[in-house]
Amino acid sequence: MQYLSITWLAWMWITVSIYWLSPRAWRMPVLVLISLLFLASVSPASAAILTIFCLLCHYAGNYRHPDGWLIGAV
C-alpha cells in the first residue's frame, strides 16, 4: 500500500472514524490494534517481530522476584 493512494486515504479515514466512535477508555487499544493491522498488511514479519518484542518487554518489566521486589524498578 502506497502512502499517496486512495487506499491509504480510505484506511486513514476509517481509522479516524473508528477512533472517535470508540469509547474513551478503548481509544488507545483500538489505535494500537489498527496500527498493528496496518503494519501486518504492509509487512507481516515486522508486525510479528514488533508483537514479540512488546510482549517480551511487558513481561520483563512486570517480572517480580520471589522476594517480592520488582526487577526493573528504579
PDB file of N, CA and C in Angstrom:
ATOM      1  N   MET A   1       0.851  -1.174   0.000  1.00  0.00           N
ATOM      2  CA  MET A   1       0.000   0.000   0.000  1.00  0.00           C
ATOM      3  C   MET A   1       0.897   1.237   0.000  1.00  0.00           C
ATOM      4  N   GLN A   2       0.723   2.062  -0.997  1.00  0.00           N
ATOM      5  CA  GLN A   2       1.493   3.291  -1.061  1.00  0.00           C
ATOM      6  C   GLN A   2       0.805   4.358  -0.229  1.00  0.00           C
ATOM      7  N   TYR A   3       1.611   5.258   0.322  1.00  0.00           N
ATOM      8  CA  TYR A   3       1.070   6.264   1.225  1.00  0.00           C
ATOM      9  C   TYR A   3       0.336   7.383   0.506  1.00  0.00           C
ATOM     10  N   LEU A   4       0.550   7.538  -0.782  1.00  0.00           N
ATOM     11  CA  LEU A   4      -0.152   8.554  -1.557  1.00  0.00           C
ATOM     12  C   LEU A   4      -1.133   7.869  -2.505  1.00  0.00           C
ATOM     13  N   SER A   5      -2.103   7.164  -1.924  1.00  0.00           N
ATOM     14  CA  SER A   5      -3.081   6.452  -2.721  1.00  0.00           C
ATOM     15  C   SER A   5      -4.458   6.594  -2.095  1.00  0.00           C
ATOM     16  N   ILE A   6      -5.450   6.241  -2.865  1.00  0.00           N
ATOM     17  CA  ILE A   6      -6.835   6.276  -2.374  1.00  0.00           C
ATOM     18  C   ILE A   6      -7.032   5.225  -1.280  1.00  0.00           C
ATOM     19  N   THR A   7      -6.365   4.104  -1.403  1.00  0.00           N
ATOM     20  CA  THR A   7      -6.484   3.040  -0.393  1.00  0.00           C
ATOM     21  C   THR A   7      -5.978   3.522   0.960  1.00  0.00           C
ATOM     22  N   TRP A   8      -4.825   4.200   0.953  1.00  0.00           N
ATOM     23  CA  TRP A   8      -4.275   4.721   2.208  1.00  0.00           C
ATOM     24  C   TRP A   8      -5.180   5.798   2.797  1.00  0.00           C
ATOM     25  N   LEU A   9      -5.719   6.648   1.944  1.00  0.00           N
ATOM     26  CA  LEU A   9      -6.625   7.690   2.408  1.00  0.00           C
ATOM     27  C   LEU A   9      -7.885   7.068   3.025  1.00  0.00           C
ATOM     28  N   ALA A  10      -8.407   6.018   2.396  1.00  0.00           N
ATOM     29  CA  ALA A  10      -9.570   5.315   2.957  1.00  0.00           C
ATOM     30  C   ALA A  10      -9.219   4.676   4.296  1.00  0.00           C
ATOM     31  N   TRP A  11      -8.031   4.074   4.386  1.00  0.00           N
ATOM     32  CA  TRP A  11      -7.579   3.458   5.651  1.00  0.00           C
ATOM     33  C   TRP A  11      -7.509   4.513   6.757  1.00  0.00           C
ATOM     34  N   MET A  12      -6.964   5.672   6.456  1.00  0.00           N
ATOM     35  CA  MET A  12      -6.871   6.741   7.447  1.00  0.00           C
ATOM     36  C   MET A  12      -8.257   7.234   7.858  1.00  0.00           C
ATOM     37  N   TRP A  13      -9.147   7.375   6.899  1.00  0.00           N
ATOM     38  CA  TRP A  13     -10.500   7.830   7.201  1.00  0.00           C
ATOM     39  C   TRP A  13     -11.214   6.820   8.105  1.00  0.00           C
ATOM     40  N   ILE A  14     -11.072   5.552   7.805  1.00  0.00           N
ATOM     41  CA  ILE A  14     -11.696   4.502   8.636  1.00  0.00           C
ATOM     42  C   ILE A  14     -11.060   4.486  10.030  1.00  0.00           C
ATOM     43  N   THR A  15      -9.744   4.644  10.097  1.00  0.00           N
ATOM     44  CA  THR A  15      -9.041   4.657  11.383  1.00  0.00           C
ATOM     45  C   THR A  15      -9.519   5.800  12.265  1.00  0.00           C
ATOM     46  N   VAL A  16      -9.586   6.995  11.703  1.00  0.00           N
ATOM     47  CA  VAL A  16     -10.030   8.160  12.479  1.00  0.00           C
ATOM     48  C   VAL A  16     -11.481   7.991  12.901  1.00  0.00           C
ATOM     49  N   SER A  17     -12.317   7.446  12.024  1.00  0.00           N
ATOM     50  CA  SER A  17     -13.732   7.236  12.362  1.00  0.00           C
ATOM     51  C   SER A  17     -13.887   6.242  13.508  1.00  0.00           C
ATOM     52  N   ILE A  18     -13.180   5.125  13.417  1.00  0.00           N
ATOM     53  CA  ILE A  18     -13.268   4.118  14.483  1.00  0.00           C
ATOM     54  C   ILE A  18     -12.722   4.676  15.798  1.00  0.00           C
ATOM     55  N   TYR A  19     -11.628   5.442  15.711  1.00  0.00           N
ATOM     56  CA  TYR A  19     -11.031   6.031  16.911  1.00  0.00           C
ATOM     57  C   TYR A  19     -12.035   6.940  17.623  1.00  0.00           C
ATOM     58  N   TRP A  20     -12.674   7.848  16.896  1.00  0.00           N
ATOM     59  CA  TRP A  20     -13.583   8.803  17.533  1.00  0.00           C
ATOM     60  C   TRP A  20     -14.922   8.193  17.920  1.00  0.00           C
ATOM     61  N   LEU A  21     -15.312   7.089  17.278  1.00  0.00           N
ATOM     62  CA  LEU A  21     -16.573   6.436  17.639  1.00  0.00           C
ATOM     63  C   LEU A  21     -16.418   5.466  18.808  1.00  0.00           C
ATOM     64  N   SER A  22     -15.191   5.062  19.104  1.00  0.00           N
ATOM     65  CA  SER A  22     -14.984   4.141  20.218  1.00  0.00           C
ATOM     66  C   SER A  22     -15.050   4.899  21.547  1.00  0.00           C
ATOM     67  N   PRO A  23     -15.422   4.201  22.628  1.00  0.00           N
ATOM     68  CA  PRO A  23     -15.453   4.845  23.941  1.00  0.00           C
ATOM     69  C   PRO A  23     -14.058   5.329  24.344  1.00  0.00           C
ATOM     70  N   ARG A  24     -14.020   6.351  25.149  1.00  0.00           N
ATOM     71  CA  ARG A  24     -12.757   6.988  25.523  1.00  0.00           C
ATOM     72  C   ARG A  24     -11.768   5.995  26.136  1.00  0.00           C
ATOM     73  N   ALA A  25     -12.246   5.046  26.933  1.00  0.00           N
ATOM     74  CA  ALA A  25     -11.351   4.086  27.578  1.00  0.00           C
ATOM     75  C   ALA A  25     -10.765   3.085  26.575  1.00  0.00           C
ATOM     76  N   TRP A  26     -11.408   2.897  25.426  1.00  0.00           N
ATOM     77  CA  TRP A  26     -10.946   1.918  24.435  1.00  0.00           C
ATOM     78  C   TRP A  26     -10.113   2.547  23.333  1.00  0.00           C
ATOM     79  N   ARG A  27      -9.959   3.850  23.306  1.00  0.00           N
ATOM     80  CA  ARG A  27      -9.313   4.514  22.171  1.00  0.00           C
ATOM     81  C   ARG A  27      -7.869   4.086  21.966  1.00  0.00           C
ATOM     82  N   MET A  28      -7.090   4.006  23.022  1.00  0.00           N
ATOM     83  CA  MET A  28      -5.683   3.633  22.863  1.00  0.00           C
ATOM     84  C   MET A  28      -5.532   2.183  22.401  1.00  0.00           C
ATOM     85  N   PRO A  29      -6.222   1.205  23.012  1.00  0.00           N
ATOM     86  CA  PRO A  29      -6.104  -0.163  22.490  1.00  0.00           C
ATOM     87  C   PRO A  29      -6.607  -0.295  21.048  1.00  0.00           C
ATOM     88  N   VAL A  30      -7.649   0.443  20.699  1.00  0.00           N
ATOM     89  CA  VAL A  30      -8.156   0.406  19.327  1.00  0.00           C
ATOM     90  C   VAL A  30      -7.110   0.949  18.367  1.00  0.00           C
ATOM     91  N   LEU A  31      -6.475   2.040  18.734  1.00  0.00           N
ATOM     92  CA  LEU A  31      -5.456   2.633  17.875  1.00  0.00           C
ATOM     93  C   LEU A  31      -4.242   1.708  17.733  1.00  0.00           C
ATOM     94  N   VAL A  32      -3.852   1.049  18.806  1.00  0.00           N
ATOM     95  CA  VAL A  32      -2.737   0.102  18.744  1.00  0.00           C
ATOM     96  C   VAL A  32      -3.090  -1.068  17.834  1.00  0.00           C
ATOM     97  N   LEU A  33      -4.302  -1.590  17.958  1.00  0.00           N
ATOM     98  CA  LEU A  33      -4.730  -2.710  17.131  1.00  0.00           C
ATOM     99  C   LEU A  33      -4.793  -2.326  15.653  1.00  0.00           C
ATOM    100  N   ILE A  34      -5.339  -1.169  15.346  1.00  0.00           N
ATOM    101  CA  ILE A  34      -5.418  -0.716  13.961  1.00  0.00           C
ATOM    102  C   ILE A  34      -4.017  -0.494  13.397  1.00  0.00           C
ATOM    103  N   SER A  35      -3.116   0.061  14.190  1.00  0.00           N
ATOM    104  CA  SER A  35      -1.742   0.269  13.739  1.00  0.00           C
ATOM    105  C   SER A  35      -1.043  -1.063  13.468  1.00  0.00           C
ATOM    106  N   LEU A  36      -1.290  -2.033  14.336  1.00  0.00           N
ATOM    107  CA  LEU A  36      -0.706  -3.356  14.137  1.00  0.00           C
ATOM    108  C   LEU A  36      -1.268  -4.015  12.885  1.00  0.00           C
ATOM    109  N   LEU A  37      -2.557  -3.850  12.640  1.00  0.00           N
ATOM    110  CA  LEU A  37      -3.163  -4.393  11.422  1.00  0.00           C
ATOM    111  C   LEU A  37      -2.582  -3.734  10.174  1.00  0.00           C
ATOM    112  N   PHE A  38      -2.354  -2.434  10.237  1.00  0.00           N
ATOM    113  CA  PHE A  38      -1.748  -1.742   9.101  1.00  0.00           C
ATOM    114  C   PHE A  38      -0.336  -2.259   8.860  1.00  0.00           C
ATOM    115  N   LEU A  39       0.454  -2.405   9.919  1.00  0.00           N
ATOM    116  CA  LEU A  39       1.806  -2.910   9.775  1.00  0.00           C
ATOM    117  C   LEU A  39       1.793  -4.340   9.240  1.00  0.00           C
ATOM    118  N   ALA A  40       0.841  -5.152   9.692  1.00  0.00           N
ATOM    119  CA  ALA A  40       0.740  -6.528   9.208  1.00  0.00           C
ATOM    120  C   ALA A  40       0.359  -6.577   7.731  1.00  0.00           C
ATOM    121  N   SER A  41      -0.414  -5.605   7.271  1.00  0.00           N
ATOM    122  CA  SER A  41      -0.773  -5.602   5.852  1.00  0.00           C
ATOM    123  C   SER A  41       0.404  -5.176   4.988  1.00  0.00           C
ATOM    124  N   VAL A  42       1.315  -4.376   5.537  1.00  0.00           N
ATOM    125  CA  VAL A  42       2.492  -3.932   4.793  1.00  0.00           C
ATOM    126  C   VAL A  42       3.624  -4.954   4.912  1.00  0.00           C
ATOM    127  N   SER A  43       3.885  -5.407   6.139  1.00  0.00           N
ATOM    128  CA  SER A  43       4.987  -6.340   6.382  1.00  0.00           C
ATOM    129  C   SER A  43       4.638  -7.255   7.558  1.00  0.00           C
ATOM    130  N   PRO A  44       4.116  -8.448   7.277  1.00  0.00           N
ATOM    131  CA  PRO A  44       3.736  -9.360   8.369  1.00  0.00           C
ATOM    132  C   PRO A  44       4.898  -9.737   9.277  1.00  0.00           C
ATOM    133  N   ALA A  45       6.091  -9.867   8.732  1.00  0.00           N
ATOM    134  CA  ALA A  45       7.245 -10.218   9.562  1.00  0.00           C
ATOM    135  C   ALA A  45       7.548  -9.108  10.568  1.00  0.00           C
ATOM    136  N   SER A  46       7.454  -7.867  10.135  1.00  0.00           N
ATOM    137  CA  SER A  46       7.694  -6.742  11.049  1.00  0.00           C
ATOM    138  C   SER A  46       6.636  -6.696  12.144  1.00  0.00           C
ATOM    139  N   ALA A  47       5.391  -6.983  11.798  1.00  0.00           N
ATOM    140  CA  ALA A  47       4.329  -6.994  12.798  1.00  0.00           C
ATOM    141  C   ALA A  47       4.567  -8.096  13.825  1.00  0.00           C
ATOM    142  N   ALA A  48       5.023  -9.251  13.367  1.00  0.00           N
ATOM    143  CA  ALA A  48       5.307 -10.356  14.291  1.00  0.00           C
ATOM    144  C   ALA A  48       6.467 -10.001  15.215  1.00  0.00           C
ATOM    145  N   ILE A  49       7.523  -9.416  14.672  1.00  0.00           N
ATOM    146  CA  ILE A  49       8.681  -9.028  15.486  1.00  0.00           C
ATOM    147  C   ILE A  49       8.285  -7.963  16.503  1.00  0.00           C
ATOM    148  N   LEU A  50       7.506  -6.975  16.075  1.00  0.00           N
ATOM    149  CA  LEU A  50       7.054  -5.930  16.996  1.00  0.00           C
ATOM    150  C   LEU A  50       6.210  -6.514  18.124  1.00  0.00           C
ATOM    151  N   THR A  51       5.315  -7.433  17.790  1.00  0.00           N
ATOM    152  CA  THR A  51       4.466  -8.065  18.804  1.00  0.00           C
ATOM    153  C   THR A  51       5.301  -8.863  19.802  1.00  0.00           C
ATOM    154  N   ILE A  52       6.269  -9.620  19.298  1.00  0.00           N
ATOM    155  CA  ILE A  52       7.118 -10.420  20.184  1.00  0.00           C
ATOM    156  C   ILE A  52       7.917  -9.525  21.124  1.00  0.00           C
ATOM    157  N   PHE A  53       8.509  -8.452  20.591  1.00  0.00           N
ATOM    158  CA  PHE A  53       9.293  -7.554  21.447  1.00  0.00           C
ATOM    159  C   PHE A  53       8.422  -6.811  22.460  1.00  0.00           C
ATOM    160  N   CYS A  54       7.218  -6.429  22.062  1.00  0.00           N
ATOM    161  CA  CYS A  54       6.315  -5.763  23.015  1.00  0.00           C
ATOM    162  C   CYS A  54       5.931  -6.696  24.154  1.00  0.00           C
ATOM    163  N   LEU A  55       5.603  -7.936  23.837  1.00  0.00           N
ATOM    164  CA  LEU A  55       5.261  -8.905  24.882  1.00  0.00           C
ATOM    165  C   LEU A  55       6.464  -9.201  25.772  1.00  0.00           C
ATOM    166  N   LEU A  56       7.631  -9.333  25.160  1.00  0.00           N
ATOM    167  CA  LEU A  56       8.842  -9.590  25.931  1.00  0.00           C
ATOM    168  C   LEU A  56       9.136  -8.443  26.894  1.00  0.00           C
ATOM    169  N   CYS A  57       9.029  -7.220  26.416  1.00  0.00           N
ATOM    170  CA  CYS A  57       9.277  -6.053  27.281  1.00  0.00           C
ATOM    171  C   CYS A  57       8.222  -5.937  28.380  1.00  0.00           C
ATOM    172  N   HIS A  58       6.977  -6.251  28.039  1.00  0.00           N
ATOM    173  CA  HIS A  58       5.907  -6.188  29.033  1.00  0.00           C
ATOM    174  C   HIS A  58       6.166  -7.184  30.166  1.00  0.00           C
ATOM    175  N   TYR A  59       6.469  -8.426  29.793  1.00  0.00           N
ATOM    176  CA  TYR A  59       6.687  -9.440  30.821  1.00  0.00           C
ATOM    177  C   TYR A  59       7.993  -9.211  31.583  1.00  0.00           C
ATOM    178  N   ALA A  60       9.018  -8.725  30.905  1.00  0.00           N
ATOM    179  CA  ALA A  60      10.281  -8.440  31.593  1.00  0.00           C
ATOM    180  C   ALA A  60      10.125  -7.265  32.551  1.00  0.00           C
ATOM    181  N   GLY A  61       9.335  -6.276  32.171  1.00  0.00           N
ATOM    182  CA  GLY A  61       9.136  -5.115  33.030  1.00  0.00           C
ATOM    183  C   GLY A  61       8.251  -5.398  34.219  1.00  0.00           C
ATOM    184  N   ASN A  62       7.406  -6.408  34.121  1.00  0.00           N
ATOM    185  CA  ASN A  62       6.488  -6.719  35.212  1.00  0.00           C
ATOM    186  C   ASN A  62       6.900  -7.970  35.988  1.00  0.00           C
ATOM    187  N   TYR A  63       8.094  -8.474  35.736  1.00  0.00           N
ATOM    188  CA  TYR A  63       8.568  -9.661  36.439  1.00  0.00           C
ATOM    189  C   TYR A  63       8.870  -9.318  37.886  1.00  0.00           C
ATOM    190  N   ARG A  64       8.373 -10.110  38.778  1.00  0.00           N
ATOM    191  CA  ARG A  64       8.640  -9.912  40.208  1.00  0.00           C
ATOM    192  C   ARG A  64       9.558 -11.026  40.705  1.00  0.00           C
ATOM    193  N   HIS A  65      10.511 -10.621  41.486  1.00  0.00           N
ATOM    194  CA  HIS A  65      11.418 -11.561  42.109  1.00  0.00           C
ATOM    195  C   HIS A  65      10.634 -12.322  43.184  1.00  0.00           C
ATOM    196  N   PRO A  66      11.006 -13.565  43.473  1.00  0.00           N
ATOM    197  CA  PRO A  66      10.290 -14.313  44.521  1.00  0.00           C
ATOM    198  C   PRO A  66      10.257 -13.603  45.876  1.00  0.00           C
ATOM    199  N   ASP A  67      11.224 -12.721  46.154  1.00  0.00           N
ATOM    200  CA  ASP A  67      11.215 -11.989  47.420  1.00  0.00           C
ATOM    201  C   ASP A  67      10.199 -10.860  47.421  1.00  0.00           C
ATOM    202  N   GLY A  68       9.648 -10.515  46.255  1.00  0.00           N
ATOM    203  CA  GLY A  68       8.623  -9.503  46.190  1.00  0.00           C
ATOM    204  C   GLY A  68       9.021  -8.213  45.526  1.00  0.00           C
ATOM    205  N   TRP A  69      10.310  -7.961  45.299  1.00  0.00           N
ATOM    206  CA  TRP A  69      10.703  -6.693  44.707  1.00  0.00           C
ATOM    207  C   TRP A  69      10.713  -6.815  43.178  1.00  0.00           C
ATOM    208  N   LEU A  70      10.482  -5.705  42.525  1.00  0.00           N
ATOM    209  CA  LEU A  70      10.471  -5.684  41.064  1.00  0.00           C
ATOM    210  C   LEU A  70      11.893  -5.671  40.535  1.00  0.00           C
ATOM    211  N   ILE A  71      12.141  -6.428  39.482  1.00  0.00           N
ATOM    212  CA  ILE A  71      13.474  -6.475  38.884  1.00  0.00           C
ATOM    213  C   ILE A  71      13.767  -5.151  38.163  1.00  0.00           C
ATOM    214  N   GLY A  72      12.805  -4.638  37.402  1.00  0.00           N
ATOM    215  CA  GLY A  72      13.052  -3.439  36.605  1.00  0.00           C
ATOM    216  C   GLY A  72      12.804  -2.133  37.328  1.00  0.00           C
ATOM    217  N   ALA A  73      12.390  -2.167  38.588  1.00  0.00           N
ATOM    218  CA  ALA A  73      12.061  -0.924  39.314  1.00  0.00           C
ATOM    219  C   ALA A  73      13.327  -0.158  39.671  1.00  0.00           C
ATOM    220  N   VAL A  74      13.217   1.138  39.598  1.00  0.00           N
ATOM    221  CA  VAL A  74      14.352   2.007  39.925  1.00  0.00           C
ATOM    222  C   VAL A  74      14.114   2.637  41.273  1.00  0.00           C
TER     223      VAL A  74
END
